[in-house]
Amino acid sequence: MATNAVDETEATKATTDEKAVDTTKSDEVPETEVPAAVDDAQTKEETPSGVGQGAAAVVSAALGVVSLTGSWIGTVASARQNLVGQLETAQNAGVAQQIQAVYGDAWQTTALWGGLFALIALVVGVVTLARPAFGTPGRIQAPWIKSVAWAGVALGVIGLFLAVLKYTGILLGLPSAS
């Protein structure tokens, strides 16, 4: 039995030595894996992140809201047109002519600025939605970007429609002087 004990001890040592050899080999990194990791890092840096498209979608929606609520530029232009109308209206002008010169032209100026903001919102939204067709093939646009861009397009269309109605006098036209 003493020989069996010696054989078992030698077998255990041999198994332990093989495991030691195996663990040292598994710690080494094969050279083929390192360039692949570098290629992945370069690919991630080269592919666009979509931040620009997201920003354009938000800008489109914001411009659409501005077209509906009014802007500082539209307010200043309207006040200026009001002042010009007061200065250019003759004292002996009729009431209808005075109303048009003082209030009507200012209202139309506000409508023009609202329409301009709506048109810009519409164009930016459409370009944002169309951008993936001209970009990297297979790259999908994030759903939130599409949603916000569609909101910008919808607000732009509504704002443009209301601006046309305001400018033509169909929506909240001037009161008649007669």
N, C-alpha and C. Protein backbone atom coordinates (compact mmCIF):
# COMPACT_ATOMS: atom_id res chain seq x y z
N MET A 1 0.79 -1.18 0.00
CA MET A 1 0.00 0.00 0.00
C MET A 1 0.85 1.26 0.00
N ALA A 2 2.01 1.14 0.38
CA ALA A 2 2.90 2.28 0.37
C ALA A 2 3.17 2.74 -1.04
N THR A 3 3.24 1.83 -1.96
CA THR A 3 3.45 2.21 -3.35
C THR A 3 2.23 2.91 -3.91
N ASN A 4 1.04 2.50 -3.45
CA ASN A 4 -0.18 3.17 -3.89
C ASN A 4 -0.22 4.60 -3.40
N ALA A 5 0.22 4.83 -2.19
CA ALA A 5 0.23 6.18 -1.64
C ALA A 5 1.20 7.05 -2.39
N VAL A 6 2.34 6.50 -2.78
CA VAL A 6 3.32 7.26 -3.55
C VAL A 6 2.77 7.56 -4.93
N ASP A 7 2.09 6.60 -5.56
CA ASP A 7 1.51 6.81 -6.88
C ASP A 7 0.41 7.87 -6.85
N GLU A 8 -0.41 7.88 -5.82
CA GLU A 8 -1.47 8.88 -5.69
C GLU A 8 -0.88 10.26 -5.49
N THR A 9 0.20 10.35 -4.73
CA THR A 9 0.85 11.63 -4.49
C THR A 9 1.45 12.16 -5.77
N GLU A 10 2.09 11.30 -6.54
CA GLU A 10 2.67 11.73 -7.81
C GLU A 10 1.57 12.14 -8.80
N ALA A 11 0.46 11.41 -8.79
CA ALA A 11 -0.65 11.74 -9.68
C ALA A 11 -1.25 13.10 -9.30
N THR A 12 -1.37 13.38 -8.03
CA THR A 12 -1.89 14.66 -7.57
C THR A 12 -0.96 15.79 -7.97
N LYS A 13 0.37 15.58 -7.83
CA LYS A 13 1.35 16.58 -8.22
C LYS A 13 1.28 16.85 -9.72
N ALA A 14 1.14 15.77 -10.49
CA ALA A 14 1.06 15.92 -11.94
C ALA A 14 -0.19 16.69 -12.34
N THR A 15 -1.33 16.41 -11.72
CA THR A 15 -2.57 17.12 -12.01
C THR A 15 -2.45 18.57 -11.61
N THR A 16 -1.85 18.84 -10.46
CA THR A 16 -1.67 20.21 -10.00
C THR A 16 -0.75 20.97 -10.94
N ASP A 17 0.33 20.33 -11.42
CA ASP A 17 1.25 20.98 -12.34
C ASP A 17 0.55 21.31 -13.66
N GLU A 18 -0.31 20.40 -14.14
CA GLU A 18 -1.04 20.67 -15.39
C GLU A 18 -1.99 21.85 -15.23
N LYS A 19 -2.67 21.93 -14.09
CA LYS A 19 -3.56 23.05 -13.84
C LYS A 19 -2.79 24.36 -13.76
N ALA A 20 -1.62 24.31 -13.15
CA ALA A 20 -0.80 25.51 -13.05
C ALA A 20 -0.38 25.98 -14.43
N VAL A 21 -0.06 25.05 -15.27
CA VAL A 21 0.35 25.40 -16.62
C VAL A 21 -0.85 25.97 -17.38
N ASP A 22 -2.02 25.38 -17.21
CA ASP A 22 -3.21 25.85 -17.91
C ASP A 22 -3.60 27.26 -17.48
N THR A 23 -3.49 27.57 -16.20
CA THR A 23 -3.90 28.90 -15.76
C THR A 23 -2.94 29.97 -16.23
N THR A 24 -1.69 29.66 -16.37
CA THR A 24 -0.76 30.66 -16.86
C THR A 24 -1.00 30.93 -18.34
N LYS A 25 -1.39 29.92 -19.07
CA LYS A 25 -1.66 30.12 -20.49
C LYS A 25 -2.95 30.92 -20.71
N SER A 26 -3.95 30.76 -19.85
CA SER A 26 -5.21 31.45 -20.05
C SER A 26 -5.11 32.93 -19.69
N ASP A 27 -4.11 33.32 -18.92
CA ASP A 27 -3.94 34.73 -18.58
C ASP A 27 -3.39 35.55 -19.73
N GLU A 28 -2.76 34.92 -20.67
CA GLU A 28 -2.18 35.65 -21.80
C GLU A 28 -3.28 36.05 -22.77
N VAL A 29 -3.16 37.23 -23.37
CA VAL A 29 -4.14 37.72 -24.33
C VAL A 29 -3.60 37.45 -25.73
N PRO A 30 -4.36 36.74 -26.54
CA PRO A 30 -3.90 36.51 -27.91
C PRO A 30 -3.79 37.83 -28.67
N GLU A 31 -2.84 37.87 -29.57
CA GLU A 31 -2.59 39.11 -30.30
C GLU A 31 -3.73 39.47 -31.25
N THR A 32 -4.53 38.52 -31.66
CA THR A 32 -5.60 38.79 -32.62
C THR A 32 -6.74 39.57 -31.98
N GLU A 33 -6.90 39.52 -30.66
CA GLU A 33 -8.01 40.22 -30.01
C GLU A 33 -7.73 41.70 -29.82
N VAL A 34 -6.50 42.10 -29.70
CA VAL A 34 -6.17 43.50 -29.43
C VAL A 34 -6.53 44.41 -30.61
N PRO A 35 -6.17 44.09 -31.86
CA PRO A 35 -6.57 44.97 -32.96
C PRO A 35 -8.08 45.05 -33.13
N ALA A 36 -8.81 43.99 -32.84
CA ALA A 36 -10.26 44.03 -32.97
C ALA A 36 -10.86 45.04 -32.00
N ALA A 37 -10.32 45.11 -30.79
CA ALA A 37 -10.80 46.08 -29.81
C ALA A 37 -10.50 47.50 -30.27
N VAL A 38 -9.34 47.71 -30.89
CA VAL A 38 -8.98 49.03 -31.40
C VAL A 38 -9.91 49.41 -32.55
N ASP A 39 -10.23 48.45 -33.42
CA ASP A 39 -11.15 48.72 -34.53
C ASP A 39 -12.53 49.11 -34.03
N ASP A 40 -13.01 48.45 -32.97
CA ASP A 40 -14.32 48.79 -32.40
C ASP A 40 -14.32 50.20 -31.86
N ALA A 41 -13.24 50.61 -31.20
CA ALA A 41 -13.15 51.96 -30.65
C ALA A 41 -13.14 53.00 -31.76
N GLN A 42 -12.43 52.71 -32.85
CA GLN A 42 -12.40 53.65 -33.97
C GLN A 42 -13.76 53.75 -34.64
N THR A 43 -14.46 52.63 -34.76
CA THR A 43 -15.79 52.64 -35.37
C THR A 43 -16.77 53.45 -34.55
N LYS A 44 -16.69 53.31 -33.23
CA LYS A 44 -17.59 54.07 -32.37
C LYS A 44 -17.33 55.57 -32.47
N GLU A 45 -16.07 55.96 -32.65
CA GLU A 45 -15.75 57.38 -32.77
C GLU A 45 -16.20 57.94 -34.11
N GLU A 46 -16.17 57.13 -35.16
CA GLU A 46 -16.49 57.60 -36.49
C GLU A 46 -17.99 57.68 -36.75
N THR A 47 -18.79 56.83 -36.10
CA THR A 47 -20.22 56.84 -36.36
C THR A 47 -20.86 58.03 -35.64
N PRO A 48 -21.77 58.74 -36.31
CA PRO A 48 -22.43 59.88 -35.68
C PRO A 48 -23.35 59.43 -34.55
N SER A 49 -23.46 60.27 -33.54
CA SER A 49 -24.26 59.90 -32.37
C SER A 49 -25.72 60.33 -32.48
N GLY A 50 -26.05 61.17 -33.42
CA GLY A 50 -27.43 61.62 -33.57
C GLY A 50 -27.75 62.86 -32.75
N VAL A 51 -26.74 63.44 -32.12
CA VAL A 51 -26.97 64.63 -31.30
C VAL A 51 -27.44 65.80 -32.16
N GLY A 52 -26.86 65.95 -33.32
CA GLY A 52 -27.27 67.04 -34.21
C GLY A 52 -28.71 66.91 -34.68
N GLN A 53 -29.11 65.68 -34.99
CA GLN A 53 -30.48 65.46 -35.41
C GLN A 53 -31.46 65.70 -34.26
N GLY A 54 -31.08 65.31 -33.07
CA GLY A 54 -31.92 65.57 -31.90
C GLY A 54 -32.07 67.05 -31.63
N ALA A 55 -30.96 67.77 -31.75
CA ALA A 55 -31.00 69.22 -31.54
C ALA A 55 -31.87 69.89 -32.61
N ALA A 56 -31.74 69.45 -33.84
CA ALA A 56 -32.56 70.03 -34.92
C ALA A 56 -34.04 69.76 -34.69
N ALA A 57 -34.36 68.59 -34.20
CA ALA A 57 -35.77 68.26 -33.92
C ALA A 57 -36.32 69.16 -32.82
N VAL A 58 -35.54 69.38 -31.78
CA VAL A 58 -35.98 70.25 -30.68
C VAL A 58 -36.12 71.69 -31.16
N VAL A 59 -35.18 72.15 -31.99
CA VAL A 59 -35.26 73.51 -32.54
C VAL A 59 -36.51 73.65 -33.40
N SER A 60 -36.82 72.65 -34.18
CA SER A 60 -38.02 72.69 -35.02
C SER A 60 -39.27 72.83 -34.16
N ALA A 61 -39.37 72.03 -33.11
CA ALA A 61 -40.55 72.11 -32.23
C ALA A 61 -40.61 73.46 -31.53
N ALA A 62 -39.47 73.96 -31.07
CA ALA A 62 -39.45 75.26 -30.39
C ALA A 62 -39.86 76.38 -31.33
N LEU A 63 -39.38 76.36 -32.56
CA LEU A 63 -39.77 77.39 -33.52
C LEU A 63 -41.26 77.29 -33.85
N GLY A 64 -41.79 76.09 -33.88
CA GLY A 64 -43.22 75.92 -34.09
C GLY A 64 -44.04 76.53 -32.97
N VAL A 65 -43.59 76.35 -31.74
CA VAL A 65 -44.28 76.97 -30.59
C VAL A 65 -44.17 78.49 -30.67
N VAL A 66 -43.01 79.00 -31.04
CA VAL A 66 -42.83 80.45 -31.16
C VAL A 66 -43.74 81.01 -32.24
N SER A 67 -43.92 80.27 -33.32
CA SER A 67 -44.81 80.77 -34.39
C SER A 67 -46.25 80.90 -33.91
N LEU A 68 -46.64 80.05 -32.97
CA LEU A 68 -48.01 80.11 -32.46
C LEU A 68 -48.19 81.15 -31.35
N THR A 69 -47.18 81.33 -30.51
CA THR A 69 -47.31 82.21 -29.36
C THR A 69 -46.81 83.61 -29.60
N GLY A 70 -46.02 83.80 -30.63
CA GLY A 70 -45.46 85.12 -30.91
C GLY A 70 -44.02 85.20 -30.43
N SER A 71 -43.33 86.15 -30.97
CA SER A 71 -41.92 86.31 -30.62
C SER A 71 -41.63 87.77 -30.28
N TRP A 72 -40.50 87.97 -29.68
CA TRP A 72 -40.08 89.32 -29.33
C TRP A 72 -39.89 90.14 -30.61
N ILE A 73 -39.32 89.53 -31.63
CA ILE A 73 -39.10 90.24 -32.90
C ILE A 73 -40.43 90.65 -33.52
N GLY A 74 -41.40 89.77 -33.49
CA GLY A 74 -42.72 90.10 -34.02
C GLY A 74 -43.39 91.22 -33.26
N THR A 75 -43.23 91.23 -31.94
CA THR A 75 -43.82 92.28 -31.11
C THR A 75 -43.17 93.63 -31.41
N VAL A 76 -41.85 93.65 -31.51
CA VAL A 76 -41.15 94.91 -31.80
C VAL A 76 -41.50 95.41 -33.20
N ALA A 77 -41.55 94.51 -34.17
CA ALA A 77 -41.90 94.91 -35.54
C ALA A 77 -43.33 95.45 -35.59
N SER A 78 -44.23 94.82 -34.84
CA SER A 78 -45.62 95.28 -34.80
C SER A 78 -45.72 96.67 -34.17
N ALA A 79 -45.01 96.89 -33.07
CA ALA A 79 -45.02 98.21 -32.42
C ALA A 79 -44.43 99.27 -33.33
N ARG A 80 -43.39 98.93 -34.05
CA ARG A 80 -42.77 99.88 -34.98
C ARG A 80 -43.75 100.23 -36.11
N GLN A 81 -44.42 99.21 -36.62
CA GLN A 81 -45.38 99.46 -37.70
C GLN A 81 -46.55 100.30 -37.20
N ASN A 82 -46.94 100.09 -35.96
CA ASN A 82 -48.00 100.89 -35.35
C ASN A 82 -47.58 102.36 -35.30
N LEU A 83 -46.35 102.60 -34.87
CA LEU A 83 -45.83 103.98 -34.79
C LEU A 83 -45.73 104.61 -36.17
N VAL A 84 -45.26 103.86 -37.16
CA VAL A 84 -45.16 104.37 -38.53
C VAL A 84 -46.56 104.72 -39.05
N GLY A 85 -47.51 103.86 -38.75
CA GLY A 85 -48.89 104.13 -39.19
C GLY A 85 -49.44 105.40 -38.57
N GLN A 86 -49.13 105.65 -37.30
CA GLN A 86 -49.59 106.88 -36.65
C GLN A 86 -48.94 108.11 -37.25
N LEU A 87 -47.67 108.01 -37.58
CA LEU A 87 -46.96 109.16 -38.13
C LEU A 87 -47.38 109.47 -39.56
N GLU A 88 -47.68 108.46 -40.35
CA GLU A 88 -47.99 108.67 -41.76
C GLU A 88 -49.46 108.95 -42.04
N THR A 89 -50.32 108.73 -41.08
CA THR A 89 -51.74 108.95 -41.30
C THR A 89 -52.04 110.45 -41.20
N ALA A 90 -52.70 110.93 -42.20
CA ALA A 90 -53.06 112.36 -42.22
C ALA A 90 -54.21 112.62 -41.25
N GLN A 91 -54.27 113.85 -40.77
CA GLN A 91 -55.31 114.22 -39.81
C GLN A 91 -56.70 114.12 -40.43
N ASN A 92 -56.78 114.41 -41.69
CA ASN A 92 -58.10 114.39 -42.33
C ASN A 92 -58.42 113.04 -42.97
N ALA A 93 -57.66 111.99 -42.69
CA ALA A 93 -57.92 110.65 -43.25
C ALA A 93 -59.18 110.08 -42.62
N GLY A 94 -59.84 109.23 -43.34
CA GLY A 94 -61.06 108.59 -42.84
C GLY A 94 -60.73 107.58 -41.74
N VAL A 95 -61.78 107.20 -41.01
CA VAL A 95 -61.61 106.28 -39.89
C VAL A 95 -61.08 104.94 -40.38
N ALA A 96 -61.60 104.41 -41.48
CA ALA A 96 -61.16 103.11 -42.00
C ALA A 96 -59.68 103.15 -42.38
N GLN A 97 -59.25 104.26 -42.97
CA GLN A 97 -57.85 104.40 -43.36
C GLN A 97 -56.96 104.50 -42.12
N GLN A 98 -57.41 105.19 -41.09
CA GLN A 98 -56.63 105.30 -39.85
C GLN A 98 -56.52 103.93 -39.16
N ILE A 99 -57.62 103.19 -39.12
CA ILE A 99 -57.60 101.86 -38.48
C ILE A 99 -56.63 100.95 -39.23
N GLN A 100 -56.69 100.98 -40.54
CA GLN A 100 -55.80 100.13 -41.32
C GLN A 100 -54.34 100.53 -41.12
N ALA A 101 -54.04 101.82 -41.15
CA ALA A 101 -52.65 102.28 -41.03
C ALA A 101 -52.09 102.03 -39.65
N VAL A 102 -52.89 102.20 -38.60
CA VAL A 102 -52.38 102.08 -37.23
C VAL A 102 -52.41 100.64 -36.75
N TYR A 103 -53.51 99.94 -36.99
CA TYR A 103 -53.68 98.60 -36.42
C TYR A 103 -53.53 97.48 -37.44
N GLY A 104 -54.07 97.66 -38.61
CA GLY A 104 -54.07 96.60 -39.62
C GLY A 104 -52.66 96.24 -40.08
N ASP A 105 -51.86 97.23 -40.37
CA ASP A 105 -50.50 96.95 -40.84
C ASP A 105 -49.66 96.29 -39.73
N ALA A 106 -49.89 96.71 -38.49
CA ALA A 106 -49.17 96.09 -37.37
C ALA A 106 -49.59 94.62 -37.20
N TRP A 107 -50.88 94.35 -37.38
CA TRP A 107 -51.39 92.98 -37.27
C TRP A 107 -50.80 92.10 -38.38
N GLN A 108 -50.71 92.65 -39.58
CA GLN A 108 -50.12 91.91 -40.69
C GLN A 108 -48.62 91.67 -40.49
N THR A 109 -47.94 92.62 -39.87
CA THR A 109 -46.51 92.44 -39.56
C THR A 109 -46.32 91.31 -38.56
N THR A 110 -47.16 91.25 -37.56
CA THR A 110 -47.11 90.16 -36.59
C THR A 110 -47.36 88.82 -37.29
N ALA A 111 -48.32 88.80 -38.20
CA ALA A 111 -48.62 87.57 -38.94
C ALA A 111 -47.45 87.16 -39.82
N LEU A 112 -46.78 88.11 -40.43
CA LEU A 112 -45.61 87.78 -41.26
C LEU A 112 -44.49 87.15 -40.44
N TRP A 113 -44.20 87.71 -39.29
CA TRP A 113 -43.14 87.14 -38.44
C TRP A 113 -43.54 85.76 -37.92
N GLY A 114 -44.80 85.58 -37.55
CA GLY A 114 -45.26 84.26 -37.12
C GLY A 114 -45.16 83.25 -38.25
N GLY A 115 -45.50 83.68 -39.46
CA GLY A 115 -45.39 82.80 -40.62
C GLY A 115 -43.95 82.45 -40.94
N LEU A 116 -43.05 83.40 -40.75
CA LEU A 116 -41.63 83.13 -40.99
C LEU A 116 -41.09 82.08 -40.01
N PHE A 117 -41.44 82.23 -38.74
CA PHE A 117 -41.01 81.23 -37.75
C PHE A 117 -41.64 79.87 -38.05
N ALA A 118 -42.89 79.85 -38.47
CA ALA A 118 -43.55 78.59 -38.81
C ALA A 118 -42.89 77.93 -40.01
N LEU A 119 -42.54 78.71 -41.01
CA LEU A 119 -41.89 78.16 -42.20
C LEU A 119 -40.52 77.58 -41.85
N ILE A 120 -39.76 78.27 -41.02
CA ILE A 120 -38.46 77.75 -40.61
C ILE A 120 -38.63 76.46 -39.80
N ALA A 121 -39.62 76.43 -38.92
CA ALA A 121 -39.89 75.21 -38.14
C ALA A 121 -40.25 74.06 -39.06
N LEU A 122 -41.04 74.32 -40.05
CA LEU A 122 -41.46 73.30 -41.00
C LEU A 122 -40.26 72.76 -41.79
N VAL A 123 -39.42 73.64 -42.28
CA VAL A 123 -38.26 73.22 -43.06
C VAL A 123 -37.28 72.43 -42.21
N VAL A 124 -36.98 72.91 -41.01
CA VAL A 124 -36.04 72.20 -40.13
C VAL A 124 -36.59 70.82 -39.75
N GLY A 125 -37.87 70.73 -39.48
CA GLY A 125 -38.47 69.44 -39.15
C GLY A 125 -38.42 68.46 -40.30
N VAL A 126 -38.72 68.92 -41.50
CA VAL A 126 -38.69 68.04 -42.68
C VAL A 126 -37.26 67.59 -42.97
N VAL A 127 -36.30 68.50 -42.87
CA VAL A 127 -34.90 68.14 -43.11
C VAL A 127 -34.44 67.12 -42.06
N THR A 128 -34.85 67.29 -40.81
CA THR A 128 -34.48 66.33 -39.76
C THR A 128 -35.07 64.96 -40.05
N LEU A 129 -36.29 64.91 -40.51
CA LEU A 129 -36.91 63.62 -40.83
C LEU A 129 -36.29 62.98 -42.07
N ALA A 130 -35.85 63.79 -43.02
CA ALA A 130 -35.28 63.26 -44.26
C ALA A 130 -33.80 62.94 -44.14
N ARG A 131 -33.13 63.41 -43.12
CA ARG A 131 -31.69 63.23 -42.97
C ARG A 131 -31.22 61.78 -43.01
N PRO A 132 -31.89 60.82 -42.37
CA PRO A 132 -31.40 59.44 -42.42
C PRO A 132 -31.33 58.86 -43.83
N ALA A 133 -32.12 59.35 -44.74
CA ALA A 133 -32.09 58.84 -46.12
C ALA A 133 -30.77 59.18 -46.80
N PHE A 134 -30.07 60.20 -46.33
CA PHE A 134 -28.82 60.63 -46.94
C PHE A 134 -27.61 60.32 -46.07
N GLY A 135 -27.82 59.62 -44.97
CA GLY A 135 -26.73 59.31 -44.04
C GLY A 135 -26.19 57.91 -44.22
N THR A 136 -25.69 57.37 -43.14
CA THR A 136 -25.10 56.04 -43.13
C THR A 136 -26.19 55.00 -43.38
N PRO A 137 -26.00 54.12 -44.36
CA PRO A 137 -27.01 53.09 -44.62
C PRO A 137 -27.15 52.15 -43.41
N GLY A 138 -28.35 51.80 -43.09
CA GLY A 138 -28.61 50.90 -41.98
C GLY A 138 -28.70 51.57 -40.63
N ARG A 139 -28.37 52.82 -40.56
CA ARG A 139 -28.43 53.54 -39.28
C ARG A 139 -29.86 54.02 -39.08
N ILE A 140 -30.45 53.67 -37.95
CA ILE A 140 -31.84 54.01 -37.66
C ILE A 140 -31.89 55.25 -36.78
N GLN A 141 -32.79 56.15 -37.11
CA GLN A 141 -32.97 57.37 -36.32
C GLN A 141 -33.73 57.03 -35.05
N ALA A 142 -33.32 57.62 -33.95
CA ALA A 142 -33.96 57.35 -32.66
C ALA A 142 -35.44 57.75 -32.72
N PRO A 143 -36.30 56.97 -32.10
CA PRO A 143 -37.74 57.26 -32.15
C PRO A 143 -38.10 58.62 -31.56
N TRP A 144 -37.41 59.05 -30.51
CA TRP A 144 -37.75 60.34 -29.91
C TRP A 144 -37.41 61.48 -30.86
N ILE A 145 -36.38 61.32 -31.67
CA ILE A 145 -36.02 62.36 -32.64
C ILE A 145 -37.13 62.48 -33.69
N LYS A 146 -37.62 61.34 -34.16
CA LYS A 146 -38.72 61.37 -35.13
C LYS A 146 -39.96 62.02 -34.53
N SER A 147 -40.27 61.68 -33.30
CA SER A 147 -41.47 62.23 -32.66
C SER A 147 -41.38 63.74 -32.51
N VAL A 148 -40.25 64.22 -32.03
CA VAL A 148 -40.09 65.67 -31.83
C VAL A 148 -40.05 66.39 -33.17
N ALA A 149 -39.41 65.78 -34.17
CA ALA A 149 -39.38 66.41 -35.50
C ALA A 149 -40.78 66.48 -36.10
N TRP A 150 -41.56 65.42 -35.93
CA TRP A 150 -42.95 65.44 -36.43
C TRP A 150 -43.76 66.51 -35.69
N ALA A 151 -43.50 66.67 -34.40
CA ALA A 151 -44.18 67.73 -33.65
C ALA A 151 -43.81 69.10 -34.21
N GLY A 152 -42.54 69.29 -34.55
CA GLY A 152 -42.11 70.55 -35.16
C GLY A 152 -42.77 70.80 -36.49
N VAL A 153 -42.88 69.73 -37.31
CA VAL A 153 -43.55 69.86 -38.60
C VAL A 153 -45.02 70.22 -38.41
N ALA A 154 -45.68 69.53 -37.49
CA ALA A 154 -47.11 69.80 -37.26
C ALA A 154 -47.33 71.22 -36.74
N LEU A 155 -46.49 71.64 -35.79
CA LEU A 155 -46.62 73.01 -35.28
C LEU A 155 -46.30 74.03 -36.36
N GLY A 156 -45.35 73.72 -37.22
CA GLY A 156 -45.02 74.62 -38.33
C GLY A 156 -46.18 74.76 -39.30
N VAL A 157 -46.84 73.66 -39.62
CA VAL A 157 -47.99 73.71 -40.54
C VAL A 157 -49.13 74.51 -39.91
N ILE A 158 -49.42 74.25 -38.65
CA ILE A 158 -50.49 74.98 -37.96
C ILE A 158 -50.15 76.47 -37.88
N GLY A 159 -48.92 76.78 -37.52
CA GLY A 159 -48.49 78.18 -37.43
C GLY A 159 -48.55 78.89 -38.76
N LEU A 160 -48.16 78.20 -39.82
CA LEU A 160 -48.21 78.79 -41.16
C LEU A 160 -49.66 79.03 -41.60
N PHE A 161 -50.52 78.09 -41.32
CA PHE A 161 -51.93 78.23 -41.65
C PHE A 161 -52.55 79.42 -40.89
N LEU A 162 -52.26 79.52 -39.60
CA LEU A 162 -52.80 80.64 -38.81
C LEU A 162 -52.22 81.97 -39.26
N ALA A 163 -50.96 81.99 -39.65
CA ALA A 163 -50.34 83.24 -40.12
C ALA A 163 -51.02 83.73 -41.40
N VAL A 164 -51.32 82.80 -42.29
CA VAL A 164 -52.01 83.18 -43.54
C VAL A 164 -53.41 83.71 -43.22
N LEU A 165 -54.10 83.03 -42.29
CA LEU A 165 -55.45 83.50 -41.90
C LEU A 165 -55.40 84.87 -41.24
N LYS A 166 -54.40 85.12 -40.42
CA LYS A 166 -54.26 86.43 -39.77
C LYS A 166 -53.91 87.52 -40.79
N TYR A 167 -53.01 87.21 -41.70
CA TYR A 167 -52.57 88.20 -42.68
C TYR A 167 -53.70 88.60 -43.62
N THR A 168 -54.48 87.63 -44.02
CA THR A 168 -55.58 87.93 -44.96
C THR A 168 -56.80 88.53 -44.26
N GLY A 169 -56.84 88.52 -42.96
CA GLY A 169 -57.96 89.10 -42.23
C GLY A 169 -59.10 88.13 -42.00
N ILE A 170 -58.94 86.88 -42.39
CA ILE A 170 -60.00 85.89 -42.16
C ILE A 170 -60.10 85.59 -40.67
N LEU A 171 -58.98 85.49 -40.01
CA LEU A 171 -58.95 85.25 -38.57
C LEU A 171 -58.74 86.58 -37.85
N LEU A 172 -59.72 86.97 -37.08
CA LEU A 172 -59.65 88.21 -36.30
C LEU A 172 -59.31 89.41 -37.17
N GLY A 173 -60.09 89.61 -38.20
CA GLY A 173 -59.90 90.76 -39.09
C GLY A 173 -60.24 92.06 -38.39
N LEU A 174 -59.88 93.15 -39.03
CA LEU A 174 -60.16 94.48 -38.48
C LEU A 174 -61.66 94.76 -38.47
N PRO A 175 -62.12 95.48 -37.49
CA PRO A 175 -63.54 95.83 -37.47
C PRO A 175 -63.84 96.82 -38.59
N SER A 176 -65.07 96.79 -39.07
CA SER A 176 -65.45 97.71 -40.14
C SER A 176 -65.69 99.10 -39.53
N ALA A 177 -65.36 100.12 -40.29
CA ALA A 177 -65.49 101.49 -39.80
C ALA A 177 -66.83 102.10 -40.12
N SER A 178 -67.68 101.39 -40.78
CA SER A 178 -68.96 102.01 -41.14
C SER A 178 -70.04 101.78 -40.15
